[in-house]
Amino acid sequence: MIQLDKVTRVWHEFAIRDVTLQVNEGEYLVIVGPTGAGKTLLLELLLGIHHPDTGRILIDGADVTGLPPEKRGIGMVYQDYLLFPHLDVSRNLAFGLRYRRCSGEDARRRVREVAELLGISSLLHRYPYTLSGGEKQRVAIGRALVTEPRILLLDEPLSALDRGTASRLRNELKLLHAAKKLTVVHVTHDLSEARQMGGPIALVKDGRLDAFGPADDLLRRPPTVFAANFFGAVNLYKAEVQKTEGGMRVAAGPVAAECGFMEGAPYLMVHPDEVVVLPPSTGGANRLRGEVTALTDEGNYVAVQLRVAGLPAPLTAYVSRHFVRSQMLALGSDVTADVERAIHILRE
């Protein structure tokens, strides 16, 4: 288990500020965030290249805040591989073992096992300049694994690869995680990659932890406007808090939902795939009369854009092609959008 307790580190233009985070044993955590948010610095704090200005880092309950990298039992894989060009694959894999008390036979055994696990046994006598990007990344991952770390850190390991190679390595990383039962912390800017890895996601903004949780929760119920925008929210409206006879509610034009105490400026998000498009009617609570202003075929669905009186921006609903045909939807069609079950309240 990894625990960060109010960790702060300011280094040049990068910073991690008051981050508290827990990664359970065997978990696959993905860290996302914009460029310069501090994602790599966070990994290097875990590795021990940097040490916190304040706060503590614990691994399996032991305080490792001041320990050097070689005493933490952590492997690290960077985006640009960092292979030694004058060493063949076998010696690149074995490099990290030279500083450990590991006999020659034991080192050769570990290299063979890791090479077999990663499917690079046929590459052991080749040099880095003869390898493809995917092969180099497998060697870099193998070099981290050969020391038998408890924790594996991955800093955008697939970003330099073409889409097909990245997809294959993504699946291999999931299989490797399951086979070795490693705790993995993986930094990426690719949201589809973050979702595919299957573990929790931590979103970092300006060095602070903005959101944390399962991928589906963050996509369906982001806690902040920044998280909603980062994960691609479609219908997002600034709202106001209103006092009613039944209590408090948050409203953006004709869209409204009950709420409790609200910190920060409220926003309403309407999930486009949960909007129900109906024939035109007189409406009711959160039933919005609108005019179709755009129909965009997105492959698996059609995005229907509606102009709704009182909303500051168009409302988008996702429907099937069959629905568009059967309801004869076209530009200018008059419809009603039921958003009652599609509303999520969040804060700035």
Protein backbone atom coordinates (compact mmCIF):
# COMPACT_ATOMS: atom_id res chain seq x y z
CA MET A 1 0.00 0.00 0.00
CA ILE A 2 1.18 3.51 -0.87
CA GLN A 3 0.09 6.47 1.25
CA LEU A 4 0.81 10.13 0.62
CA ASP A 5 0.02 12.29 3.62
CA LYS A 6 -0.28 16.03 2.83
CA VAL A 7 2.74 15.91 0.52
CA THR A 8 4.05 19.20 -0.87
CA ARG A 9 7.03 19.72 -3.14
CA VAL A 10 7.80 22.83 -5.20
CA TRP A 11 10.50 22.37 -7.84
CA HIS A 12 11.12 25.07 -10.46
CA GLU A 13 7.85 25.60 -12.37
CA PHE A 14 6.36 22.31 -11.15
CA ALA A 15 4.68 21.62 -7.84
CA ILE A 16 2.77 19.07 -5.82
CA ARG A 17 0.70 20.75 -3.14
CA ASP A 18 -0.86 19.13 -0.07
CA VAL A 19 -1.65 15.82 -1.82
CA THR A 20 -3.19 13.07 0.29
CA LEU A 21 -3.68 9.83 -1.63
CA GLN A 22 -3.83 6.09 -0.99
CA VAL A 23 -3.07 3.31 -3.48
CA ASN A 24 -4.04 -0.13 -2.22
CA GLU A 25 -1.81 -3.16 -2.65
CA GLY A 26 -2.22 -4.70 -6.10
CA GLU A 27 -4.16 -1.69 -7.41
CA TYR A 28 -3.60 -0.08 -10.82
CA LEU A 29 -3.84 3.69 -10.35
CA VAL A 30 -3.80 6.00 -13.36
CA ILE A 31 -2.84 9.66 -12.91
CA VAL A 32 -4.08 12.16 -15.49
CA GLY A 33 -3.93 15.92 -15.83
CA PRO A 34 -2.84 18.72 -18.17
CA THR A 35 0.79 19.33 -19.11
CA GLY A 36 2.68 20.90 -16.21
CA ALA A 37 0.22 19.73 -13.56
CA GLY A 38 2.96 17.87 -11.64
CA LYS A 39 2.23 14.26 -12.67
CA THR A 40 5.86 13.23 -13.29
CA LEU A 41 7.00 15.08 -10.16
CA LEU A 42 4.50 13.03 -8.18
CA LEU A 43 6.00 9.79 -9.56
CA GLU A 44 9.51 10.99 -8.75
CA LEU A 45 8.45 11.76 -5.19
CA LEU A 46 7.25 8.16 -4.90
CA LEU A 47 10.49 6.89 -6.43
CA GLY A 48 12.67 9.01 -4.14
CA ILE A 49 14.36 11.22 -6.76
CA HIS A 50 12.65 14.14 -5.04
CA HIS A 51 11.77 14.45 -1.36
CA PRO A 52 8.77 16.37 -0.01
CA ASP A 53 9.15 19.85 1.41
CA THR A 54 6.40 18.83 3.83
CA GLY A 55 4.33 15.71 4.37
CA ARG A 56 5.09 11.98 4.45
CA ILE A 57 5.22 9.02 2.05
CA LEU A 58 4.55 5.54 3.43
CA ILE A 59 4.86 2.15 1.74
CA ASP A 60 3.24 -0.79 3.52
CA GLY A 61 3.04 1.37 6.63
CA ALA A 62 6.76 2.20 6.70
CA ASP A 63 7.82 5.84 6.38
CA VAL A 64 10.07 6.08 3.29
CA THR A 65 9.98 9.87 2.99
CA GLY A 66 13.74 10.25 3.31
CA LEU A 67 14.88 6.98 1.72
CA PRO A 68 16.84 6.92 -1.58
CA PRO A 69 15.31 5.17 -4.64
CA GLU A 70 17.32 1.94 -4.28
CA LYS A 71 15.84 1.29 -0.84
CA ARG A 72 12.18 1.68 -1.78
CA GLY A 73 11.58 -1.47 -3.85
CA ILE A 74 10.16 0.54 -6.77
CA GLY A 75 10.69 0.19 -10.52
CA MET A 76 10.31 3.15 -12.89
CA VAL A 77 9.68 3.27 -16.64
CA TYR A 78 9.98 6.61 -18.43
CA GLN A 79 8.40 7.69 -21.72
CA ASP A 80 11.71 7.82 -23.61
CA TYR A 81 12.93 4.32 -22.61
CA LEU A 82 16.46 5.43 -21.46
CA LEU A 83 18.11 2.26 -22.79
CA PHE A 84 21.91 2.10 -22.94
CA PRO A 85 22.83 2.10 -26.66
CA HIS A 86 26.17 0.29 -26.12
CA LEU A 87 24.55 -2.63 -24.27
CA ASP A 88 22.51 -5.41 -25.84
CA VAL A 89 19.02 -6.20 -24.56
CA SER A 90 20.26 -8.86 -22.14
CA ARG A 91 22.71 -6.48 -20.47
CA ASN A 92 20.16 -3.64 -20.49
CA LEU A 93 17.75 -5.90 -18.64
CA ALA A 94 20.39 -6.96 -16.13
CA PHE A 95 21.75 -3.46 -15.52
CA GLY A 96 19.74 -2.80 -12.36
CA LEU A 97 20.97 -6.03 -10.78
CA ARG A 98 24.62 -4.98 -10.68
CA TYR A 99 23.94 -2.88 -7.57
CA ARG A 100 22.17 -5.71 -5.78
CA ARG A 101 23.57 -8.80 -4.17
CA CYS A 102 22.59 -11.05 -7.02
CA SER A 103 24.76 -13.92 -8.30
CA GLY A 104 25.49 -14.25 -12.00
CA GLU A 105 23.26 -17.31 -12.33
CA ASP A 106 20.42 -15.64 -10.46
CA ALA A 107 20.74 -12.56 -12.67
CA ARG A 108 20.64 -14.69 -15.83
CA ARG A 109 17.57 -16.53 -14.50
CA ARG A 110 15.73 -13.28 -13.79
CA VAL A 111 16.59 -11.91 -17.24
CA ARG A 112 15.31 -15.09 -18.90
CA GLU A 113 12.08 -15.06 -16.89
CA VAL A 114 11.33 -11.39 -17.59
CA ALA A 115 12.21 -11.76 -21.27
CA GLU A 116 9.85 -14.71 -21.57
CA LEU A 117 7.10 -12.88 -19.71
CA LEU A 118 7.34 -9.90 -22.07
CA GLY A 119 7.88 -11.92 -25.25
CA ILE A 120 11.36 -10.52 -25.96
CA SER A 121 13.50 -13.67 -25.55
CA SER A 122 14.47 -13.49 -29.24
CA LEU A 123 15.81 -9.94 -28.76
CA LEU A 124 18.34 -10.61 -25.99
CA HIS A 125 21.41 -10.28 -28.25
CA ARG A 126 20.19 -7.27 -30.20
CA TYR A 127 21.05 -3.61 -29.55
CA PRO A 128 18.53 -0.80 -28.95
CA TYR A 129 19.09 0.86 -32.34
CA THR A 130 17.77 -2.30 -34.06
CA LEU A 131 14.50 -2.36 -32.08
CA SER A 132 11.07 -0.91 -32.85
CA GLY A 133 9.40 1.49 -30.43
CA GLY A 134 7.23 -1.26 -28.97
CA GLU A 135 10.24 -3.56 -28.51
CA LYS A 136 12.21 -0.79 -26.79
CA GLN A 137 9.31 -0.16 -24.41
CA ARG A 138 9.08 -3.86 -23.54
CA VAL A 139 12.81 -3.83 -22.74
CA ALA A 140 12.39 -0.72 -20.57
CA ILE A 141 9.53 -2.38 -18.68
CA GLY A 142 11.60 -5.57 -18.34
CA ARG A 143 14.54 -3.65 -16.89
CA ALA A 144 12.23 -2.29 -14.20
CA LEU A 145 10.71 -5.72 -13.48
CA VAL A 146 13.95 -7.68 -13.28
CA THR A 147 14.72 -6.20 -9.86
CA GLU A 148 11.41 -7.68 -8.62
CA PRO A 149 9.93 -4.39 -7.36
CA ARG A 150 6.87 -4.18 -5.14
CA ILE A 151 5.66 -1.15 -7.06
CA LEU A 152 5.93 -0.21 -10.75
CA LEU A 153 5.78 3.44 -11.84
CA LEU A 154 5.00 4.22 -15.50
CA ASP A 155 5.48 7.75 -16.88
CA GLU A 156 3.47 8.00 -20.12
CA PRO A 157 4.94 4.67 -21.29
CA LEU A 158 2.88 4.42 -24.50
CA SER A 159 2.70 8.01 -25.71
CA ALA A 160 5.56 7.69 -28.23
CA LEU A 161 4.06 4.60 -29.90
CA ASP A 162 1.70 4.30 -32.84
CA ARG A 163 -1.93 3.55 -32.02
CA GLY A 164 -1.81 -0.18 -32.82
CA THR A 165 1.38 -0.83 -30.85
CA ALA A 166 0.09 1.24 -27.93
CA SER A 167 -3.15 -0.76 -27.88
CA ARG A 168 -1.27 -4.08 -27.79
CA LEU A 169 1.07 -2.90 -25.02
CA ARG A 170 -1.89 -1.57 -23.05
CA ASN A 171 -3.40 -5.05 -23.00
CA GLU A 172 -0.03 -6.55 -22.12
CA LEU A 173 0.34 -4.16 -19.18
CA LYS A 174 -3.05 -5.30 -17.85
CA LEU A 175 -2.02 -8.96 -18.18
CA LEU A 176 1.35 -8.21 -16.57
CA HIS A 177 -0.36 -6.46 -13.67
CA ALA A 178 -2.63 -9.46 -13.11
CA ALA A 179 0.19 -12.00 -13.44
CA LYS A 180 2.71 -10.25 -11.17
CA LYS A 181 0.13 -8.79 -8.75
CA LEU A 182 2.07 -5.53 -8.79
CA THR A 183 0.93 -2.20 -7.44
CA VAL A 184 1.11 0.11 -10.48
CA VAL A 185 0.99 3.90 -10.75
CA HIS A 186 0.63 4.95 -14.39
CA VAL A 187 0.75 8.54 -15.70
CA THR A 188 -0.94 9.22 -19.03
CA HIS A 189 -2.58 12.04 -21.01
CA ASP A 190 -4.73 9.55 -22.96
CA LEU A 191 -8.20 9.30 -21.40
CA SER A 192 -9.13 6.13 -23.30
CA GLU A 193 -5.95 4.55 -21.96
CA ALA A 194 -6.82 5.66 -18.43
CA ARG A 195 -10.28 4.08 -18.69
CA GLN A 196 -9.02 0.86 -20.24
CA MET A 197 -6.58 0.07 -17.42
CA GLY A 198 -9.60 -0.58 -15.17
CA GLY A 199 -8.36 0.92 -11.91
CA PRO A 200 -9.05 4.20 -10.11
CA ILE A 201 -8.08 7.53 -11.67
CA ALA A 202 -6.48 10.53 -9.95
CA LEU A 203 -6.85 13.90 -11.70
CA VAL A 204 -4.14 16.45 -10.88
CA LYS A 205 -4.60 20.19 -11.48
CA ASP A 206 -1.89 22.75 -10.67
CA GLY A 207 -0.18 20.27 -8.35
CA ARG A 208 -3.33 19.48 -6.38
CA LEU A 209 -5.57 16.43 -6.40
CA ASP A 210 -8.74 17.67 -8.10
CA ALA A 211 -10.65 14.38 -8.34
CA PHE A 212 -10.13 10.72 -7.42
CA GLY A 213 -12.21 7.60 -7.92
CA PRO A 214 -13.29 4.86 -10.33
CA ALA A 215 -13.23 5.89 -13.99
CA ASP A 216 -16.98 5.54 -14.45
CA ASP A 217 -17.71 7.68 -11.38
CA LEU A 218 -15.45 10.48 -12.60
CA LEU A 219 -16.99 10.38 -16.08
CA ARG A 220 -20.59 10.16 -14.88
CA ARG A 221 -20.36 12.21 -11.69
CA PRO A 222 -17.30 14.51 -11.84
CA PRO A 223 -16.96 16.51 -8.61
CA THR A 224 -15.71 19.74 -10.20
CA VAL A 225 -16.14 21.76 -13.38
CA PHE A 226 -12.46 21.23 -14.19
CA ALA A 227 -12.92 17.45 -13.95
CA ALA A 228 -16.08 17.59 -16.07
CA ASN A 229 -14.34 19.57 -18.81
CA PHE A 230 -11.22 17.40 -18.63
CA PHE A 231 -13.26 14.24 -19.08
CA GLY A 232 -15.25 15.75 -21.96
CA ALA A 233 -18.56 16.88 -20.48
CA VAL A 234 -21.05 17.98 -23.16
CA ASN A 235 -23.97 19.73 -21.43
CA LEU A 236 -22.50 21.89 -18.68
CA TYR A 237 -24.33 24.98 -17.41
CA LYS A 238 -23.52 27.56 -14.76
CA ALA A 239 -26.36 27.54 -12.23
CA GLU A 240 -27.67 29.37 -9.20
CA VAL A 241 -28.90 28.22 -5.83
CA GLN A 242 -32.57 28.94 -5.19
CA LYS A 243 -34.56 28.68 -1.97
CA THR A 244 -37.96 27.03 -2.36
CA GLU A 245 -40.69 25.92 0.03
CA GLY A 246 -39.32 22.38 -0.15
CA GLY A 247 -35.73 23.42 0.51
CA MET A 248 -32.78 24.37 -1.70
CA ARG A 249 -32.37 23.67 -5.38
CA VAL A 250 -29.85 24.40 -8.12
CA ALA A 251 -31.20 25.76 -11.40
CA ALA A 252 -29.88 26.69 -14.84
CA GLY A 253 -32.81 28.17 -16.72
CA PRO A 254 -35.51 25.47 -16.97
CA VAL A 255 -33.22 22.70 -15.65
CA ALA A 256 -33.36 22.27 -11.87
CA ALA A 257 -32.49 19.75 -9.17
CA GLU A 258 -32.81 19.66 -5.40
CA CYS A 259 -29.58 19.95 -3.43
CA GLY A 260 -28.23 20.24 0.08
CA PHE A 261 -25.52 22.62 1.20
CA MET A 262 -23.39 23.72 -1.76
CA GLU A 263 -19.78 24.92 -1.53
CA GLY A 264 -18.51 26.99 -4.44
CA ALA A 265 -20.37 28.16 -7.53
CA PRO A 266 -22.81 25.45 -8.64
CA TYR A 267 -23.06 23.95 -12.13
CA LEU A 268 -25.47 21.51 -13.68
CA MET A 269 -24.35 18.75 -16.02
CA VAL A 270 -26.86 16.88 -18.19
CA HIS A 271 -25.68 13.47 -19.44
CA PRO A 272 -26.48 13.40 -23.16
CA ASP A 273 -26.96 9.61 -23.25
CA GLU A 274 -29.59 9.80 -20.50
CA VAL A 275 -31.71 12.51 -22.11
CA VAL A 276 -35.00 11.05 -23.37
CA VAL A 277 -36.21 12.67 -26.59
CA LEU A 278 -40.03 12.67 -26.89
CA PRO A 279 -42.65 14.05 -29.26
CA PRO A 280 -43.50 17.70 -28.52
CA SER A 281 -45.68 18.13 -25.44
CA THR A 282 -46.67 20.78 -22.92
CA GLY A 283 -43.82 19.62 -20.76
CA GLY A 284 -43.38 19.54 -17.01
CA ALA A 285 -40.55 19.50 -14.47
CA ASN A 286 -37.30 19.12 -16.44
CA ARG A 287 -39.18 18.40 -19.66
CA LEU A 288 -37.73 20.90 -22.10
CA ARG A 289 -39.36 21.94 -25.35
CA GLY A 290 -36.73 22.45 -28.02
CA GLU A 291 -35.94 22.75 -31.72
CA VAL A 292 -33.44 20.46 -33.47
CA THR A 293 -30.57 22.61 -34.75
CA ALA A 294 -28.03 19.89 -35.66
CA LEU A 295 -27.84 16.12 -36.24
CA THR A 296 -24.32 14.67 -36.15
CA ASP A 297 -23.60 11.01 -36.88
CA GLU A 298 -20.95 9.93 -34.35
CA GLY A 299 -20.74 6.31 -35.50
CA ASN A 300 -22.38 4.46 -32.61
CA TYR A 301 -24.99 7.16 -32.03
CA VAL A 302 -26.39 10.41 -33.41
CA ALA A 303 -25.84 13.63 -31.46
CA VAL A 304 -29.04 15.70 -31.56
CA GLN A 305 -28.53 19.36 -30.71
CA LEU A 306 -31.51 21.30 -29.40
CA ARG A 307 -32.18 24.99 -28.92
CA VAL A 308 -34.03 25.31 -25.60
CA ALA A 309 -35.45 28.61 -24.33
CA GLY A 310 -33.74 29.72 -21.12
CA LEU A 311 -30.61 27.58 -21.55
CA PRO A 312 -27.43 29.61 -22.19
CA ALA A 313 -26.10 26.96 -24.62
CA PRO A 314 -27.66 24.20 -26.76
CA LEU A 315 -28.63 20.88 -25.20
CA THR A 316 -27.21 17.71 -26.78
CA ALA A 317 -28.87 14.30 -26.60
CA TYR A 318 -27.46 11.01 -27.90
CA VAL A 319 -29.93 8.78 -29.74
CA SER A 320 -29.72 5.82 -32.14
CA ARG A 321 -29.86 6.09 -35.93
CA HIS A 322 -33.03 3.99 -35.80
CA PHE A 323 -34.63 6.57 -33.50
CA VAL A 324 -33.76 9.39 -35.90
CA ARG A 325 -35.32 7.49 -38.80
CA SER A 326 -38.41 6.24 -36.94
CA GLN A 327 -39.19 9.67 -35.47
CA MET A 328 -38.27 11.42 -38.72
CA LEU A 329 -36.05 13.87 -36.85
CA ALA A 330 -34.72 16.67 -39.03
CA LEU A 331 -33.40 20.19 -38.69
CA GLY A 332 -36.21 22.32 -37.29
CA SER A 333 -38.10 19.40 -35.69
CA ASP A 334 -39.98 20.34 -32.53
CA VAL A 335 -39.35 17.86 -29.68
CA THR A 336 -39.39 17.55 -25.90
CA ALA A 337 -36.29 16.49 -23.98
CA ASP A 338 -36.86 14.77 -20.63
CA VAL A 339 -33.69 15.43 -18.56
CA GLU A 340 -35.03 14.48 -15.12
CA ARG A 341 -32.75 11.45 -14.72
CA ALA A 342 -29.81 12.97 -16.58
CA ILE A 343 -28.90 15.78 -14.15
CA HIS A 344 -25.70 15.90 -12.09
CA ILE A 345 -24.81 18.77 -9.74
CA LEU A 346 -21.16 19.79 -9.38
CA ARG A 347 -19.12 22.73 -8.14
CA GLU A 348 -16.61 25.09 -9.68
